Amino acid sequence: MKYARLGNTNIEVSRICVGCMSYGKASDDFQPWTLPLDESTKMIAHALDLGVNFFDTANCYSHGTSEEYLGSALKSLGVGRDKVIIASKVYFNDGCLSKEAIAREIEGTLKRLGTDYLDLYQIHRFDYSTPIEETMAALDALVRSGKVRAIGASAMYGYQFHNMQLAAERNGLTLFSTLQNHYNLIYREDERDLIPVARQYQVSLIPYSPLAGGHLTHPGWESKSKRAQTDKVLHAKYDATRESDMAIVGRVAALASRLGVTMTEVALAWHFAKGVTAPIVGATNAAHFDDAVRAVDLALTDGDVKFLEEPYQAHAVKGAR
C-alpha cells in the first residue's frame, strides 16, 4: 500500500479508501444489499490486512448503522484509534447544514462510531437553505473543539465549492481539505470546473463511485449481483447513457486484457493518473479489495489514458444536487 497526505493537513491516508455504504443493516427504504455486521467486520479486517487505513461513512448510510458497524468492527478487531482515518458526512438530516444540525449530528456520529473525534467531516451536499458563512463557522467550531481534524465537501457545483472556500478565507475559518465528488471514466463532468477549483485550493480528490457502481469492472453492462439488481440510485445514475458508455467499458476491458490485469485495476489506475489521492471503493467481496490495492502500483502511460478517455461523451450533471 502507498499513502498520501490529505490536502494541506498532516493526515496520512492509504491510496484506497473503503466506502462503508456497503456495510449496515439492510432495508428496503435505504439499500437491501448491504452486509450484516459479521460480514462487514470481515471485509473491514481484510482491508486493514492489505494496508488500508482510510474509511468513509455517513450519518445517513443504513440509517446510522453503517457508522455503528464500522465502529464495532474496529473495536472488535482491536484496532487503535490512531491507526485508522475515519471520515463521515452530514447533510441528509433535519436542518441539513445549519449550525444546530451540524452540532447535533456530529454528536450522533461520534457516539455511533464509538470515538471522540473524526479525522475528516464532510458536507454531503450543498445546502441551499443555510447561509454559507453559518455552515463554515459551524464546521470550524468543530475543528477548534478537537472533535474534527479536517473538513471536506462532497458533490456540488464548482462555483458553490469556490464560494464556500472564499467564505472561510474571508472569515479566518477552516477551509475544506478534501473533495468527494462523483468521478469515474464514464462520468467526467466535474473536470469542467469543480475539479479545477479543488486544484486551485490544493484540495485532495477522494471521489465516490470510482468504478461507476461496478460497470467498469466487467465487460458487460448487466450484473447478477444483488446491488445491481436492487440499487435504484445506481440505475438512475448510469442507465440513461448505457449505449455510449459501453464504448468506454470496452476500452477498459481491452486495456486490461493487454496489460494482463483486471478491469478494476485499470479503472482505478486511471484515477491515480488523473491525480486522485484516494478513490473510495465500496466492496462486498474481499477479492474486490485485492484488485483495488493492486491498482495502486499500476502506472498507465499517457497513451493508455488517451485510449481510455477517447470515446467519452458529455453527460447531464448528476450528483451536484
Protein backbone atom coordinates (compact mmCIF):
# COMPACT_ATOMS: atom_id res chain seq x y z
CA MET A 1 0.00 0.00 0.00
CA LYS A 2 1.06 3.56 -0.65
CA TYR A 3 0.00 6.59 1.38
CA ALA A 4 -0.55 10.29 0.80
CA ARG A 5 -1.49 13.39 2.78
CA LEU A 6 -4.95 14.93 2.59
CA GLY A 7 -4.75 18.44 1.20
CA ASN A 8 -2.55 20.67 3.34
CA THR A 9 -3.14 18.60 6.50
CA ASN A 10 -0.79 16.18 8.24
CA ILE A 11 -3.35 13.38 7.88
CA GLU A 12 -1.83 10.45 6.00
CA VAL A 13 -4.20 8.06 4.26
CA SER A 14 -3.93 4.92 2.17
CA ARG A 15 -4.35 5.49 -1.56
CA ILE A 16 -7.51 3.38 -1.38
CA CYS A 17 -10.42 4.38 0.86
CA VAL A 18 -13.07 1.89 1.98
CA GLY A 19 -16.58 3.07 1.17
CA CYS A 20 -18.71 1.95 4.09
CA MET A 21 -22.10 2.45 2.43
CA SER A 22 -21.78 -1.30 1.73
CA TYR A 23 -21.98 -2.03 5.47
CA GLY A 24 -25.04 -1.58 7.64
CA LYS A 25 -28.46 -3.04 8.34
CA ALA A 26 -30.18 -3.81 5.04
CA SER A 27 -33.57 -2.20 4.50
CA ASP A 28 -35.94 -1.55 1.62
CA ASP A 29 -36.06 2.17 2.37
CA PHE A 30 -32.27 2.61 2.09
CA GLN A 31 -30.48 -0.33 0.44
CA PRO A 32 -31.40 -4.03 0.64
CA TRP A 33 -27.95 -5.26 -0.43
CA THR A 34 -25.72 -4.04 2.44
CA LEU A 35 -23.77 -6.54 4.55
CA PRO A 36 -24.64 -7.55 8.13
CA LEU A 37 -22.23 -6.87 10.98
CA ASP A 38 -20.27 -10.14 10.86
CA GLU A 39 -19.64 -9.93 7.12
CA SER A 40 -18.90 -6.20 7.34
CA THR A 41 -16.30 -6.90 10.03
CA LYS A 42 -14.61 -9.50 7.82
CA MET A 43 -14.43 -7.04 4.92
CA ILE A 44 -13.00 -4.29 7.13
CA ALA A 45 -10.46 -6.72 8.58
CA HIS A 46 -9.36 -7.74 5.09
CA ALA A 47 -8.92 -4.12 4.04
CA LEU A 48 -6.81 -3.47 7.13
CA ASP A 49 -4.66 -6.52 6.35
CA LEU A 50 -3.99 -5.02 2.91
CA GLY A 51 -2.70 -1.81 4.48
CA VAL A 52 -5.84 0.28 4.01
CA ASN A 53 -6.34 2.76 6.86
CA PHE A 54 -8.97 5.10 5.40
CA PHE A 55 -12.71 4.51 5.94
CA ASP A 56 -15.58 6.69 4.74
CA THR A 57 -19.14 6.52 6.03
CA ALA A 58 -22.08 8.90 6.64
CA ASN A 59 -24.75 9.56 9.22
CA CYS A 60 -27.46 8.54 6.75
CA TYR A 61 -26.00 5.26 5.48
CA SER A 62 -28.33 2.44 6.50
CA HIS A 63 -29.96 4.86 8.95
CA GLY A 64 -26.79 5.24 11.00
CA THR A 65 -25.95 1.54 11.26
CA SER A 66 -23.05 1.93 8.82
CA GLU A 67 -21.30 4.11 11.39
CA GLU A 68 -22.25 1.64 14.12
CA TYR A 69 -20.87 -1.33 12.16
CA LEU A 70 -17.61 0.45 11.36
CA GLY A 71 -17.09 1.44 14.99
CA SER A 72 -18.00 -2.03 16.22
CA ALA A 73 -15.69 -3.71 13.71
CA LEU A 74 -12.69 -1.58 14.60
CA LYS A 75 -13.29 -2.20 18.31
CA SER A 76 -13.71 -5.97 17.95
CA LEU A 77 -10.59 -6.16 15.79
CA GLY A 78 -8.59 -4.29 18.43
CA VAL A 79 -7.57 -1.50 16.06
CA GLY A 80 -6.02 1.51 17.81
CA ARG A 81 -7.85 4.74 17.06
CA ASP A 82 -4.63 6.37 15.87
CA LYS A 83 -4.14 3.59 13.29
CA VAL A 84 -7.15 4.48 11.17
CA ILE A 85 -8.52 7.55 9.44
CA ILE A 86 -12.28 7.81 9.84
CA ALA A 87 -14.41 10.10 7.70
CA SER A 88 -18.14 10.71 7.90
CA LYS A 89 -20.65 13.15 6.46
CA VAL A 90 -23.55 15.45 7.37
CA TYR A 91 -26.48 16.88 5.35
CA PHE A 92 -29.22 14.25 4.86
CA ASN A 93 -30.76 15.05 8.26
CA ASP A 94 -33.10 17.55 9.84
CA GLY A 95 -31.72 21.05 9.32
CA CYS A 96 -29.23 19.98 6.65
CA LEU A 97 -26.14 22.17 7.28
CA SER A 98 -27.47 24.65 9.82
CA LYS A 99 -25.26 25.27 12.86
CA GLU A 100 -27.81 23.48 15.06
CA ALA A 101 -27.90 20.45 12.76
CA ILE A 102 -24.11 20.18 12.49
CA ALA A 103 -23.67 20.47 16.28
CA ARG A 104 -26.33 17.79 16.81
CA GLU A 105 -25.28 15.38 14.07
CA ILE A 106 -21.60 15.27 14.97
CA GLU A 107 -22.55 14.00 18.44
CA GLY A 108 -24.65 11.21 16.99
CA THR A 109 -21.91 10.24 14.55
CA LEU A 110 -19.23 10.12 17.26
CA LYS A 111 -21.47 8.03 19.51
CA ARG A 112 -22.30 5.52 16.78
CA LEU A 113 -18.64 5.19 15.81
CA GLY A 114 -17.51 4.91 19.42
CA THR A 115 -14.88 7.63 19.13
CA ASP A 116 -14.39 11.13 20.48
CA TYR A 117 -13.16 12.66 17.23
CA LEU A 118 -13.35 12.34 13.45
CA ASP A 119 -10.35 12.70 11.19
CA LEU A 120 -12.48 14.11 8.38
CA TYR A 121 -16.00 15.56 8.47
CA GLN A 122 -17.62 16.27 5.11
CA ILE A 123 -20.72 18.08 3.99
CA HIS A 124 -22.66 15.57 1.91
CA ARG A 125 -24.25 18.13 -0.43
CA PHE A 126 -24.59 21.91 -0.78
CA ASP A 127 -27.31 23.42 1.42
CA TYR A 128 -29.40 25.98 -0.44
CA SER A 129 -31.32 26.90 2.71
CA THR A 130 -28.46 27.82 5.07
CA PRO A 131 -26.05 30.76 4.67
CA ILE A 132 -22.59 29.59 3.66
CA GLU A 133 -20.97 31.56 6.49
CA GLU A 134 -23.13 29.79 9.07
CA THR A 135 -22.12 26.35 7.79
CA MET A 136 -18.41 27.16 7.57
CA ALA A 137 -18.40 28.69 11.06
CA ALA A 138 -20.12 25.60 12.49
CA LEU A 139 -17.57 23.30 10.86
CA ASP A 140 -14.70 25.49 12.03
CA ALA A 141 -16.03 25.29 15.60
CA LEU A 142 -15.77 21.51 15.45
CA VAL A 143 -12.16 21.72 14.35
CA ARG A 144 -11.31 24.20 17.11
CA SER A 145 -13.01 21.97 19.69
CA GLY A 146 -10.95 18.93 18.64
CA LYS A 147 -13.96 16.89 17.58
CA VAL A 148 -12.86 17.08 13.94
CA ARG A 149 -9.34 17.23 12.50
CA ALA A 150 -10.21 18.36 8.96
CA ILE A 151 -13.26 19.13 6.85
CA GLY A 152 -14.27 18.26 3.32
CA ALA A 153 -17.04 18.71 0.78
CA SER A 154 -18.89 16.30 -1.45
CA ALA A 155 -20.81 16.68 -4.71
CA MET A 156 -21.76 20.24 -5.66
CA TYR A 157 -21.18 22.80 -8.41
CA GLY A 158 -17.77 24.38 -8.83
CA TYR A 159 -18.97 27.89 -8.01
CA GLN A 160 -20.53 26.64 -4.77
CA PHE A 161 -17.31 24.97 -3.64
CA HIS A 162 -15.38 28.14 -4.56
CA ASN A 163 -17.78 30.38 -2.66
CA MET A 164 -17.54 28.23 0.46
CA GLN A 165 -13.74 28.32 0.37
CA LEU A 166 -13.84 32.09 -0.11
CA ALA A 167 -16.19 32.48 2.86
CA ALA A 168 -13.77 30.52 5.02
CA GLU A 169 -10.80 32.58 3.85
CA ARG A 170 -12.54 35.90 4.45
CA ASN A 171 -13.61 34.95 7.96
CA GLY A 172 -10.46 33.19 9.11
CA LEU A 173 -12.18 29.81 9.21
CA THR A 174 -11.04 26.28 8.38
CA LEU A 175 -11.02 25.51 4.65
CA PHE A 176 -12.00 22.25 3.02
CA SER A 177 -9.10 19.83 2.59
CA THR A 178 -10.91 17.21 0.51
CA LEU A 179 -13.49 16.89 -2.24
CA GLN A 180 -15.58 13.72 -2.52
CA ASN A 181 -17.24 14.10 -5.89
CA HIS A 182 -18.81 11.84 -8.50
CA TYR A 183 -15.95 10.92 -10.84
CA ASN A 184 -15.03 7.94 -13.00
CA LEU A 185 -14.24 7.03 -16.60
CA ILE A 186 -17.89 7.19 -17.67
CA TYR A 187 -18.73 10.35 -15.70
CA ARG A 188 -16.20 13.18 -16.02
CA GLU A 189 -18.34 16.33 -15.97
CA ASP A 190 -16.57 17.73 -12.90
CA GLU A 191 -13.42 18.17 -14.97
CA ARG A 192 -15.06 21.33 -16.35
CA ASP A 193 -15.00 23.43 -13.17
CA LEU A 194 -15.31 21.62 -9.82
CA ILE A 195 -12.03 19.73 -10.05
CA PRO A 196 -10.05 22.77 -11.28
CA VAL A 197 -11.35 24.77 -8.30
CA ALA A 198 -10.26 21.95 -5.98
CA ARG A 199 -6.81 22.00 -7.59
CA GLN A 200 -6.63 25.76 -7.06
CA TYR A 201 -7.03 25.21 -3.32
CA GLN A 202 -4.71 22.16 -3.19
CA VAL A 203 -7.64 20.02 -2.11
CA SER A 204 -7.32 16.23 -2.26
CA LEU A 205 -9.72 14.36 -4.52
CA ILE A 206 -11.36 11.32 -2.92
CA PRO A 207 -14.11 10.54 -5.45
CA TYR A 208 -17.07 8.27 -4.86
CA SER A 209 -18.27 5.73 -7.45
CA PRO A 210 -14.78 5.40 -9.00
CA LEU A 211 -15.91 2.15 -10.63
CA ALA A 212 -19.32 3.51 -11.70
CA GLY A 213 -21.16 1.14 -9.39
CA GLY A 214 -19.38 -1.87 -10.90
CA HIS A 215 -19.95 -1.02 -14.56
CA LEU A 216 -16.21 -0.59 -15.07
CA THR A 217 -15.34 -3.96 -13.53
CA HIS A 218 -16.75 -6.39 -16.12
CA PRO A 219 -17.18 -6.37 -19.93
CA GLY A 220 -20.97 -6.34 -19.99
CA TRP A 221 -23.39 -3.80 -18.57
CA GLU A 222 -25.66 -6.11 -16.61
CA SER A 223 -24.61 -7.87 -13.43
CA LYS A 224 -26.23 -10.57 -11.33
CA SER A 225 -25.07 -9.02 -8.05
CA LYS A 226 -27.74 -8.13 -5.51
CA ARG A 227 -26.73 -4.49 -5.66
CA ALA A 228 -27.03 -4.34 -9.44
CA GLN A 229 -30.49 -5.88 -9.21
CA THR A 230 -31.83 -3.67 -6.41
CA ASP A 231 -29.93 -0.35 -6.28
CA LYS A 232 -32.33 2.20 -7.79
CA VAL A 233 -29.84 5.07 -7.35
CA LEU A 234 -27.25 3.15 -9.36
CA HIS A 235 -29.67 2.65 -12.23
CA ALA A 236 -30.74 6.30 -12.15
CA LYS A 237 -27.12 7.47 -12.38
CA TYR A 238 -25.97 5.33 -15.28
CA ASP A 239 -28.63 3.51 -17.31
CA ALA A 240 -29.62 6.51 -19.44
CA THR A 241 -26.17 6.69 -21.05
CA ARG A 242 -25.59 2.96 -21.28
CA GLU A 243 -25.19 2.89 -25.06
CA SER A 244 -22.40 5.48 -25.27
CA ASP A 245 -20.75 4.39 -22.03
CA MET A 246 -20.35 0.80 -23.23
CA ALA A 247 -17.69 2.07 -25.62
CA ILE A 248 -15.60 3.10 -22.61
CA VAL A 249 -16.30 -0.15 -20.79
CA GLY A 250 -14.98 -1.90 -23.89
CA ARG A 251 -11.79 0.18 -23.81
CA VAL A 252 -11.22 -0.70 -20.14
CA ALA A 253 -11.70 -4.40 -20.94
CA ALA A 254 -9.33 -4.22 -23.91
CA LEU A 255 -6.56 -2.45 -21.97
CA ALA A 256 -6.95 -4.83 -19.02
CA SER A 257 -6.55 -7.77 -21.37
CA ARG A 258 -3.48 -6.27 -22.99
CA LEU A 259 -1.84 -5.50 -19.62
CA GLY A 260 -2.83 -8.80 -18.04
CA VAL A 261 -4.72 -7.17 -15.16
CA THR A 262 -8.35 -6.81 -14.09
CA MET A 263 -10.69 -4.10 -15.32
CA THR A 264 -10.92 -2.83 -11.73
CA GLU A 265 -7.17 -2.25 -11.68
CA VAL A 266 -7.30 -0.30 -14.94
CA ALA A 267 -10.30 1.82 -13.91
CA LEU A 268 -8.70 2.76 -10.59
CA ALA A 269 -5.22 3.27 -12.07
CA TRP A 270 -6.82 5.87 -14.34
CA HIS A 271 -7.79 7.81 -11.19
CA PHE A 272 -4.20 7.84 -9.99
CA ALA A 273 -3.06 9.00 -13.42
CA LYS A 274 -5.53 11.90 -13.07
CA GLY A 275 -4.10 12.95 -9.70
CA VAL A 276 -6.72 11.45 -7.41
CA THR A 277 -5.49 10.93 -3.85
CA ALA A 278 -7.73 8.05 -2.77
CA PRO A 279 -10.76 6.75 -4.68
CA ILE A 280 -13.50 5.45 -2.39
CA VAL A 281 -14.09 1.78 -3.15
CA GLY A 282 -17.18 0.03 -1.89
CA ALA A 283 -16.90 -3.75 -1.83
CA THR A 284 -18.88 -6.73 -0.60
CA ASN A 285 -16.32 -9.29 -1.78
CA ALA A 286 -12.75 -9.49 -0.44
CA ALA A 287 -11.34 -10.09 -3.92
CA HIS A 288 -12.58 -6.64 -4.92
CA PHE A 289 -10.29 -5.06 -2.33
CA ASP A 290 -7.40 -7.18 -3.62
CA ASP A 291 -7.93 -5.76 -7.11
CA ALA A 292 -8.25 -2.22 -5.77
CA VAL A 293 -4.99 -2.41 -3.83
CA ARG A 294 -3.11 -3.80 -6.83
CA ALA A 295 -4.24 -0.78 -8.83
CA VAL A 296 -2.09 1.45 -6.63
CA ASP A 297 1.02 0.01 -8.30
CA LEU A 298 -0.33 0.04 -11.87
CA ALA A 299 1.09 3.01 -13.81
CA LEU A 300 -0.77 3.87 -17.00
CA THR A 301 1.00 5.67 -19.83
CA ASP A 302 -0.30 8.87 -21.39
CA GLY A 303 -1.26 6.72 -24.36
CA ASP A 304 -3.26 4.38 -22.12
CA VAL A 305 -5.14 7.31 -20.60
CA LYS A 306 -5.93 8.76 -24.02
CA PHE A 307 -7.15 5.36 -25.22
CA LEU A 308 -9.50 5.04 -22.24
CA GLU A 309 -10.87 8.58 -22.46
CA GLU A 310 -11.30 8.93 -26.22
CA PRO A 311 -14.90 7.64 -26.56
CA TYR A 312 -16.27 9.85 -23.75
CA GLN A 313 -19.39 11.88 -24.49
CA ALA A 314 -20.77 14.70 -22.35
CA HIS A 315 -23.31 13.70 -19.71
CA ALA A 316 -26.02 15.51 -17.80
CA VAL A 317 -24.70 16.62 -14.40
CA LYS A 318 -25.51 14.03 -11.73
CA GLY A 319 -24.53 14.30 -8.09
CA ALA A 320 -24.29 18.05 -7.62
CA ARG A 321 -27.82 18.19 -6.26
